[in-house]
Protein backbone atom coordinates (compact mmCIF):
# COMPACT_ATOMS: atom_id res chain seq x y z
CA UNK A 1 135.68 84.00 9.45
CA UNK A 2 133.75 87.27 9.45
CA UNK A 3 129.97 87.14 9.62
CA UNK A 4 128.15 88.09 6.43
CA UNK A 5 125.63 90.89 7.01
CA UNK A 6 122.13 90.81 5.50
CA UNK A 7 119.38 93.38 5.87
CA UNK A 8 115.87 92.46 4.83
CA UNK A 9 112.20 93.26 5.49
CA UNK A 10 111.19 90.00 7.20
CA UNK A 11 112.96 87.00 8.74
CA UNK A 12 111.08 83.67 8.73
CA UNK A 13 112.29 80.88 11.01
CA UNK A 14 111.19 77.53 9.56
CA UNK A 15 110.17 76.45 6.04
CA UNK A 16 107.32 74.04 6.85
CA UNK A 17 103.72 74.89 5.86
CA UNK A 18 103.50 77.90 8.22
CA UNK A 19 106.75 79.43 6.97
CA UNK A 20 106.02 78.46 3.37
CA UNK A 21 102.56 80.02 3.53
CA UNK A 22 104.03 83.26 4.84
CA UNK A 23 106.73 83.28 2.16
CA UNK A 24 104.34 82.56 -0.73
CA UNK A 25 102.19 85.56 0.08
CA UNK A 26 105.13 87.85 0.85
CA UNK A 27 106.42 87.02 -2.62
CA UNK A 28 103.02 87.84 -4.14
CA UNK A 29 103.26 91.22 -2.38
CA UNK A 30 106.84 91.77 -3.56
CA UNK A 31 108.29 91.88 -0.02
CA UNK A 32 111.93 90.73 0.42
CA UNK A 33 112.45 88.13 3.14
CA UNK A 34 114.96 85.60 4.44
CA UNK A 35 114.00 82.03 5.42
CA UNK A 36 116.21 80.22 7.94
CA UNK A 37 115.60 76.46 8.03
CA UNK A 38 117.49 73.97 10.19
CA UNK A 39 116.70 70.96 7.97
CA UNK A 40 117.45 70.00 4.37
CA UNK A 41 114.56 69.39 1.98
CA UNK A 42 113.12 66.95 1.24
CA UNK A 43 112.76 66.07 4.90
CA UNK A 44 110.15 64.20 6.90
CA UNK A 45 107.76 65.65 9.48
CA UNK A 46 105.79 63.35 11.75
CA UNK A 47 102.11 64.11 11.05
CA UNK A 48 98.75 62.62 10.15
CA UNK A 49 99.31 63.73 6.53
CA UNK A 50 95.71 64.92 5.96
CA UNK A 51 95.14 68.25 4.16
CA UNK A 52 91.69 69.81 4.45
CA UNK A 53 89.80 72.25 2.28
CA UNK A 54 91.58 75.06 4.15
CA UNK A 55 94.88 73.84 2.71
CA UNK A 56 93.36 73.78 -0.76
CA UNK A 57 91.96 77.30 -0.29
CA UNK A 58 95.34 78.80 0.63
CA UNK A 59 97.07 77.10 -2.30
CA UNK A 60 94.32 78.10 -4.72
CA UNK A 61 94.60 81.74 -3.69
CA UNK A 62 98.38 81.62 -3.98
CA UNK A 63 98.37 79.99 -7.42
CA UNK A 64 95.46 77.91 -8.80
CA UNK A 65 97.87 75.94 -10.97
CA UNK A 66 99.55 74.50 -7.87
CA UNK A 67 96.34 72.82 -6.75
CA UNK A 68 95.77 71.40 -10.22
CA UNK A 69 99.33 70.08 -10.15
CA UNK A 70 98.57 68.28 -6.89
CA UNK A 71 95.44 66.54 -8.18
CA UNK A 72 97.26 65.45 -11.34
CA UNK A 73 99.85 63.46 -9.37
CA UNK A 74 97.97 60.37 -8.21
CA UNK A 75 101.24 58.68 -7.24
CA UNK A 76 101.93 61.39 -4.63
CA UNK A 77 98.56 62.82 -3.59
CA UNK A 78 95.28 61.02 -2.78
CA UNK A 79 92.05 63.07 -3.15
CA UNK A 80 89.74 62.73 -0.12
CA UNK A 81 86.00 63.37 -0.23
CA UNK A 82 85.02 62.85 3.38
CA UNK A 83 85.58 61.55 6.87
CA UNK A 84 84.38 58.50 8.80
CA UNK A 85 83.73 58.83 12.52
CA UNK A 86 83.65 55.46 14.29
CA UNK A 87 81.89 55.76 17.64
CA UNK A 88 83.18 54.00 20.77
CA UNK A 89 80.59 51.26 20.19
CA UNK A 90 82.16 50.53 16.78
CA UNK A 91 79.43 52.05 14.59
CA UNK A 92 80.73 54.18 11.71
CA UNK A 93 79.23 57.46 10.52
CA UNK A 94 80.25 58.53 7.01
CA UNK A 95 80.48 62.31 6.60
CA UNK A 96 81.03 63.43 2.98
CA UNK A 97 82.67 66.84 2.75
CA UNK A 98 80.14 67.64 0.02
CA UNK A 99 76.91 65.62 0.38
CA UNK A 100 75.84 66.81 -3.09
CA UNK A 101 79.05 65.83 -4.86
CA UNK A 102 78.75 65.38 -8.60
CA UNK A 103 80.66 62.72 -10.60
CA UNK A 104 84.15 63.91 -11.44
CA UNK A 105 84.03 66.80 -8.97
CA UNK A 106 87.41 67.76 -7.51
CA UNK A 107 87.94 66.64 -3.92
CA UNK A 108 87.92 69.34 -1.22
CA UNK A 109 91.02 67.85 0.43
CA UNK A 110 93.76 65.28 0.01
CA UNK A 111 96.30 63.14 1.84
CA UNK A 112 100.00 62.91 1.14
CA UNK A 113 103.15 62.15 3.15
CA UNK A 114 104.67 65.27 4.68
CA UNK A 115 107.96 64.32 3.03
CA UNK A 116 106.17 64.91 -0.27
CA UNK A 117 103.91 67.85 0.63
CA UNK A 118 106.45 69.97 2.48
CA UNK A 119 108.91 69.52 -0.37
CA UNK A 120 106.18 70.46 -2.87
CA UNK A 121 105.66 73.73 -0.98
CA UNK A 122 109.39 74.33 -0.56
CA UNK A 123 110.00 74.03 -4.30
CA UNK A 124 107.49 76.85 -4.90
CA UNK A 125 109.36 79.32 -2.67
CA UNK A 126 112.40 80.47 -4.70
CA UNK A 127 111.82 83.96 -6.10
CA UNK A 128 113.62 87.29 -6.52
CA UNK A 129 112.20 88.26 -3.11
CA UNK A 130 113.23 85.11 -1.23
CA UNK A 131 116.62 84.18 0.24
CA UNK A 132 116.67 80.67 1.71
CA UNK A 133 119.23 79.12 4.03
CA UNK A 134 118.92 75.39 4.73
CA UNK A 135 120.94 73.40 7.29
CA UNK A 136 121.28 76.61 9.29
CA UNK A 137 122.03 76.53 13.02
CA UNK A 138 120.77 79.60 14.87
CA UNK A 139 123.24 80.95 17.43
CA UNK A 140 121.24 83.85 18.82
CA UNK A 141 118.15 86.01 18.30
CA UNK A 142 118.16 89.52 19.75
CA UNK A 143 115.88 92.54 19.59
CA UNK A 144 116.79 96.16 20.19
CA UNK A 145 115.85 99.58 18.83
CA UNK A 146 112.96 98.18 16.81
CA UNK A 147 115.08 95.61 14.96
CA UNK A 148 115.49 91.84 15.28
CA UNK A 149 118.88 90.28 14.60
CA UNK A 150 119.49 86.59 13.99
CA UNK A 151 122.99 85.13 14.04
CA UNK A 152 123.35 81.68 12.47
CA UNK A 153 125.90 79.39 10.90
CA UNK A 154 125.53 77.49 7.66
CA UNK A 155 128.25 75.12 6.44
CA UNK A 156 130.86 76.88 8.56
CA UNK A 157 129.93 80.38 7.42
CA UNK A 158 128.48 82.85 9.94
CA UNK A 159 125.61 85.15 8.99
CA UNK A 160 123.92 88.09 10.69
CA UNK A 161 120.44 88.94 9.41
CA UNK A 162 118.56 92.03 10.58
CA UNK A 163 114.93 93.00 9.94
CA UNK A 164 112.16 94.97 11.64
CA UNK A 165 110.07 91.79 11.91
CA UNK A 166 110.61 88.09 12.59
CA UNK A 167 108.06 85.31 11.98
CA UNK A 168 108.31 82.22 14.17
CA UNK A 169 107.25 79.25 12.04
CA UNK A 170 109.47 76.83 13.94
CA UNK A 171 106.98 74.29 15.24
CA UNK A 172 105.65 73.14 18.59
CA UNK A 173 108.99 73.67 20.36
CA UNK A 174 109.32 77.16 18.89
CA UNK A 175 112.44 78.99 20.06
CA UNK A 176 110.88 82.27 18.91
CA UNK A 177 107.80 81.73 21.08
CA UNK A 178 109.92 80.72 24.05
CA UNK A 179 112.11 83.80 23.76
CA UNK A 180 109.46 86.43 23.06
CA UNK A 181 106.38 84.93 24.76
CA UNK A 182 107.96 82.99 27.58
CA UNK A 183 105.05 83.53 29.95
CA UNK A 184 102.76 81.74 27.48
CA UNK A 185 105.06 78.78 26.88
CA UNK A 186 104.59 75.44 28.64
CA UNK A 187 107.15 72.67 28.94
CA UNK A 188 104.72 70.05 27.66
CA UNK A 189 102.50 70.11 24.55
CA UNK A 190 98.77 69.65 25.15
CA UNK A 191 98.51 66.42 23.15
CA UNK A 192 100.74 63.70 21.74
CA UNK A 193 100.43 61.73 18.51
CA UNK A 194 102.05 58.59 17.12
CA UNK A 195 102.34 57.91 13.40
CA UNK A 196 103.22 54.84 11.38
CA UNK A 197 103.14 53.95 7.68
CA UNK A 198 101.51 50.65 6.75
CA UNK A 199 101.21 48.94 3.39
CA UNK A 200 98.28 46.67 2.58
CA UNK A 201 95.58 47.93 4.96
CA UNK A 202 92.25 46.78 3.52
CA UNK A 203 88.69 48.12 3.68
CA UNK A 204 89.36 51.70 2.59
CA UNK A 205 86.44 53.84 1.48
CA UNK A 206 86.16 54.12 -2.31
CA UNK A 207 86.21 57.93 -2.07
CA UNK A 208 89.24 57.82 0.26
CA UNK A 209 87.43 59.08 3.35
CA UNK A 210 89.83 59.56 6.24
CA UNK A 211 88.92 57.55 9.36
CA UNK A 212 88.79 58.58 13.01
CA UNK A 213 88.11 55.72 15.43
CA UNK A 214 87.11 57.00 18.87
CA UNK A 215 88.24 54.01 20.90
CA UNK A 216 87.14 54.02 24.57
CA UNK A 217 90.68 53.47 25.79
CA UNK A 218 92.03 56.67 24.19
CA UNK A 219 89.11 59.10 24.60
CA UNK A 220 89.03 62.05 24.16
CA UNK A 221 91.61 61.09 21.55
CA UNK A 222 91.28 58.71 18.62
CA UNK A 223 92.94 56.11 16.42
CA UNK A 224 93.14 57.06 12.75
CA UNK A 225 93.61 55.47 9.33
CA UNK A 226 94.28 57.83 6.42
CA UNK A 227 94.62 56.42 2.87
CA UNK A 228 97.76 57.40 0.98
CA UNK A 229 98.97 56.78 -2.59
CA UNK A 230 100.52 53.49 -3.72
CA UNK A 231 98.60 51.26 -1.32
CA UNK A 232 99.97 52.94 1.77
CA UNK A 233 98.16 54.28 4.82
CA UNK A 234 99.05 56.71 7.59
CA UNK A 235 98.02 55.01 10.84
CA UNK A 236 98.25 56.57 14.24
CA UNK A 237 96.75 57.61 17.54
CA UNK A 238 96.47 60.95 19.31
CA UNK A 239 95.53 61.69 22.90
CA UNK A 240 95.71 64.50 25.45
CA UNK A 241 99.00 64.66 27.34
CA UNK A 242 97.22 65.04 30.68
CA UNK A 243 95.35 61.77 30.13
CA UNK A 244 98.59 59.96 29.34
CA UNK A 245 100.07 61.25 32.59
CA UNK A 246 96.97 60.67 34.73
CA UNK A 247 96.28 57.14 33.45
CA UNK A 248 99.94 56.23 32.85
CA UNK A 249 99.07 55.21 29.29
CA UNK A 250 101.64 53.60 27.01
CA UNK A 251 100.40 55.07 23.74
CA UNK A 252 102.42 52.74 21.53
CA UNK A 253 100.94 49.71 23.28
CA UNK A 254 97.41 51.10 22.86
CA UNK A 255 97.98 51.65 19.16
CA UNK A 256 99.42 48.20 18.52
CA UNK A 257 96.72 46.56 20.65
CA UNK A 258 94.00 48.18 18.51
CA UNK A 259 95.73 46.94 15.34
CA UNK A 260 96.00 43.43 16.76
CA UNK A 261 92.78 42.99 18.72
CA UNK A 262 90.08 45.57 17.92
CA UNK A 263 87.30 43.69 16.04
CA UNK A 264 86.72 46.57 13.61
CA UNK A 265 90.37 47.28 12.95
CA UNK A 266 92.47 44.10 13.26
CA UNK A 267 90.98 42.18 10.26
CA UNK A 268 92.04 45.05 8.00
CA UNK A 269 95.65 44.70 9.15
CA UNK A 270 95.82 40.91 8.66
CA UNK A 271 98.37 41.16 5.82
CA UNK A 272 99.53 44.76 6.37
CA UNK A 273 103.23 45.52 6.75
CA UNK A 274 104.77 48.29 8.83
CA UNK A 275 107.19 50.53 6.92
CA UNK A 276 109.80 52.21 9.07
CA UNK A 277 109.32 53.08 12.73
CA UNK A 278 106.40 54.30 14.82
CA UNK A 279 107.25 57.93 15.57
CA UNK A 280 105.75 60.51 17.92
CA UNK A 281 105.35 64.27 18.04
CA UNK A 282 103.70 67.02 20.07
CA UNK A 283 100.36 68.58 19.14
CA UNK A 284 100.01 72.18 20.40
CA UNK A 285 96.23 72.47 20.48
CA UNK A 286 94.40 75.76 19.96
CA UNK A 287 92.25 75.39 23.07
CA UNK A 288 92.63 79.02 24.11
CA UNK A 289 93.35 82.29 22.36
CA UNK A 290 96.93 83.04 23.31
CA UNK A 291 98.92 86.01 21.99
CA UNK A 292 100.56 85.25 18.65
CA UNK A 293 102.52 88.47 18.19
CA UNK A 294 104.29 91.28 20.01
CA UNK A 295 106.85 93.98 19.36
CA UNK A 296 108.62 93.03 16.09
CA UNK A 297 107.52 89.38 16.02
CA UNK A 298 104.69 87.06 14.90
CA UNK A 299 103.97 83.36 15.40
CA UNK A 300 102.37 81.02 12.87
CA UNK A 301 101.28 77.37 12.70
CA UNK A 302 102.34 75.08 15.54
CA UNK A 303 104.46 77.87 17.03
CA UNK A 304 101.16 79.71 17.56
CA UNK A 305 99.41 76.58 18.96
CA UNK A 306 96.81 76.36 16.19
CA UNK A 307 96.21 72.59 15.91
CA UNK A 308 92.48 71.86 15.77
CA UNK A 309 91.54 70.35 19.18
CA UNK A 310 88.95 67.96 17.70
CA UNK A 311 90.31 66.82 14.35
CA UNK A 312 94.00 67.27 15.16
CA UNK A 313 94.59 69.02 11.84
CA UNK A 314 97.48 71.43 11.80
CA UNK A 315 98.56 71.80 8.15
CA UNK A 316 95.56 73.88 7.04
CA UNK A 317 95.76 76.26 10.00
CA UNK A 318 99.52 76.58 9.53
CA UNK A 319 99.17 77.64 5.89
CA UNK A 320 96.19 79.86 6.68
CA UNK A 321 98.03 81.65 9.50
CA UNK A 322 100.99 82.19 7.18
CA UNK A 323 98.70 83.77 4.59
CA UNK A 324 97.20 86.11 7.21
CA UNK A 325 100.65 86.91 8.62
CA UNK A 326 101.82 88.03 5.18
CA UNK A 327 98.77 90.28 4.81
CA UNK A 328 99.49 91.83 8.21
CA UNK A 329 103.13 92.36 7.23
CA UNK A 330 102.04 94.28 4.14
CA UNK A 331 100.19 96.69 6.42
CA UNK A 332 103.13 96.90 8.82
CA UNK A 333 105.45 97.97 6.03
CA UNK A 334 102.93 100.40 4.56
CA UNK A 335 102.37 102.12 7.91
CA UNK A 336 105.91 101.54 9.25
CA UNK A 337 104.47 100.06 12.44
CA UNK A 338 105.88 96.94 14.11
CA UNK A 339 104.76 97.47 17.70
CA UNK A 340 102.69 94.99 19.73
CA UNK A 341 99.45 96.98 19.61
CA UNK A 342 99.57 97.33 15.83
CA UNK A 343 100.43 93.67 15.26
CA UNK A 344 97.67 92.51 17.58
CA UNK A 345 95.08 94.42 15.55
CA UNK A 346 96.61 93.48 12.19
CA UNK A 347 97.28 89.81 12.92
CA UNK A 348 96.00 88.34 16.21
CA UNK A 349 92.54 89.87 15.97
CA UNK A 350 92.16 88.95 12.30
CA UNK A 351 93.41 85.39 12.82
CA UNK A 352 91.06 84.67 15.71
CA UNK A 353 88.15 86.36 13.95
CA UNK A 354 88.67 83.92 11.06
CA UNK A 355 89.35 80.69 12.97
CA UNK A 356 88.55 81.49 16.61
CA UNK A 357 84.99 80.14 16.49
CA UNK A 358 86.21 77.00 14.78
CA UNK A 359 88.81 76.38 17.50
CA UNK A 360 86.28 77.06 20.28
CA UNK A 361 83.75 74.66 18.78
CA UNK A 362 86.42 72.00 18.33
CA UNK A 363 87.51 72.43 21.93
CA UNK A 364 83.94 71.80 23.07
CA UNK A 365 83.62 68.76 20.79
CA UNK A 366 86.86 67.40 22.22
CA UNK A 367 85.41 67.71 25.73
CA UNK A 368 82.18 65.99 24.64
CA UNK A 369 84.26 63.03 23.48
CA UNK A 370 84.94 62.30 27.14
CA UNK A 371 81.39 60.90 27.21
CA UNK A 372 81.31 57.79 24.97
CA UNK A 373 77.59 57.23 25.61
CA UNK A 374 76.83 60.63 24.01
CA UNK A 375 78.94 59.83 20.95
CA UNK A 376 77.26 56.43 20.60
CA UNK A 377 73.84 58.04 20.99
CA UNK A 378 74.36 60.56 18.19
CA UNK A 379 75.82 57.99 15.79
CA UNK A 380 73.02 55.50 16.51
CA UNK A 381 70.43 58.18 15.77
CA UNK A 382 72.24 59.27 12.59
CA UNK A 383 72.19 55.69 11.32
CA UNK A 384 68.39 55.68 11.60
CA UNK A 385 67.88 59.20 10.24
CA UNK A 386 69.27 60.17 6.80
CA UNK A 387 68.17 63.75 7.56
CA UNK A 388 70.27 63.88 10.73
CA UNK A 389 73.20 62.27 8.94
CA UNK A 390 73.05 64.94 6.21
CA UNK A 391 72.75 67.69 8.83
CA UNK A 392 75.93 66.47 10.54
CA UNK A 393 77.68 66.36 7.14
CA UNK A 394 76.78 69.99 6.53
CA UNK A 395 78.08 70.93 9.96
CA UNK A 396 81.63 70.28 8.81
CA UNK A 397 81.43 72.93 6.09
CA UNK A 398 79.01 75.37 7.76
CA UNK A 399 80.37 76.80 11.01
CA UNK A 400 76.97 78.15 12.11
CA UNK A 401 75.49 74.66 11.87
CA UNK A 402 78.55 73.10 13.49
CA UNK A 403 78.09 75.38 16.48
CA UNK A 404 74.83 73.51 17.19
CA UNK A 405 76.90 70.53 18.30
CA UNK A 406 77.92 72.53 21.37
CA UNK A 407 74.36 73.16 22.51
CA UNK A 408 72.27 70.85 24.74
CA UNK A 409 69.20 71.72 22.63
CA UNK A 410 70.73 69.83 19.67
CA UNK A 411 70.82 66.57 21.66
CA UNK A 412 67.38 67.27 23.15
CA UNK A 413 65.92 67.50 19.63
CA UNK A 414 67.60 64.23 18.65
CA UNK A 415 66.34 62.52 21.79
CA UNK A 416 62.72 63.48 21.10
CA UNK A 417 63.02 63.32 17.28
CA UNK A 418 62.17 67.00 16.88
């Protein structure tokens, strides 16, 4: 059967949050594009399922009604007003996202299974500017004479799509990154996570704070419990790949041991039931500023290694990078420039200007987690000082304040109560 030929302005590989974010904003700009997705929605994606204020910001800018729709579906989305850090010594520190929250105020973030959220995004994509192929198997991607060509097969039919620009939104094992940025591709992701769904976990915060338990045995990683709708919880553990290799850690055993034996965790799982299997995935951390574009291509989300090194969040950065990629593409089309130098200025430089400091600070905080005594020290002090506790809360919404966590002077002031 002959291959069907398609010419378009942009090709997007992958329809998860990174690809969806790119598509949403290309549609707003009236730019035709083709999405090639290997899966069939709704489909699952192994993840922590937590969506921060950055996720809400991107959706609000795309269409404020979408965010309202989310918060009106309590059976699918759980509003979250904060985060609980549990130090290695077992002491919790509650960090509200908005310390001055008023009754009835909309939550900055939310939790929801990726099966639900990714499908929510996917259902917003159809438009006169969008052509979507699901269950598509890519055969080849080539670039010549300023054009990218993708050959793929869907349901036995061959297609050839050509565009001046391709966006890799195809996850941590990105084929687009491997092909076009091979020298910046490693065989192993920088961190690994396990996720499970449990029903009946008790002791959740009344404002649905997400929980990060910094257990000594998994530092600088953590064990998490995120509340979900309908009495469910996303439970998991994430840790650096190098630590797993160096210490020969069985991550599944560590996770189940915490659920069974940790004095702060196990009582809450007394009557909890595991739904489905414990599944794992790679976490490409944004610990260094790698190139995310080149001649005729851009990378977004996990394909660009943008997972927050401290919190492990990837959804917000995926959507945000997609939004910025679409803005860069508008400029590319206007100026008819798709070369590496132009894309670096239009996309890489803008992306890292927006989130580079955040990723650098998170990388430092991740390294500080290697020292449990320091974590315990800060949490102990915060328990005794409401002022310090509020300062730390503000640090998670104010990047200038958060940067103080990297500086020795911050801990010196705490030590001497200055």
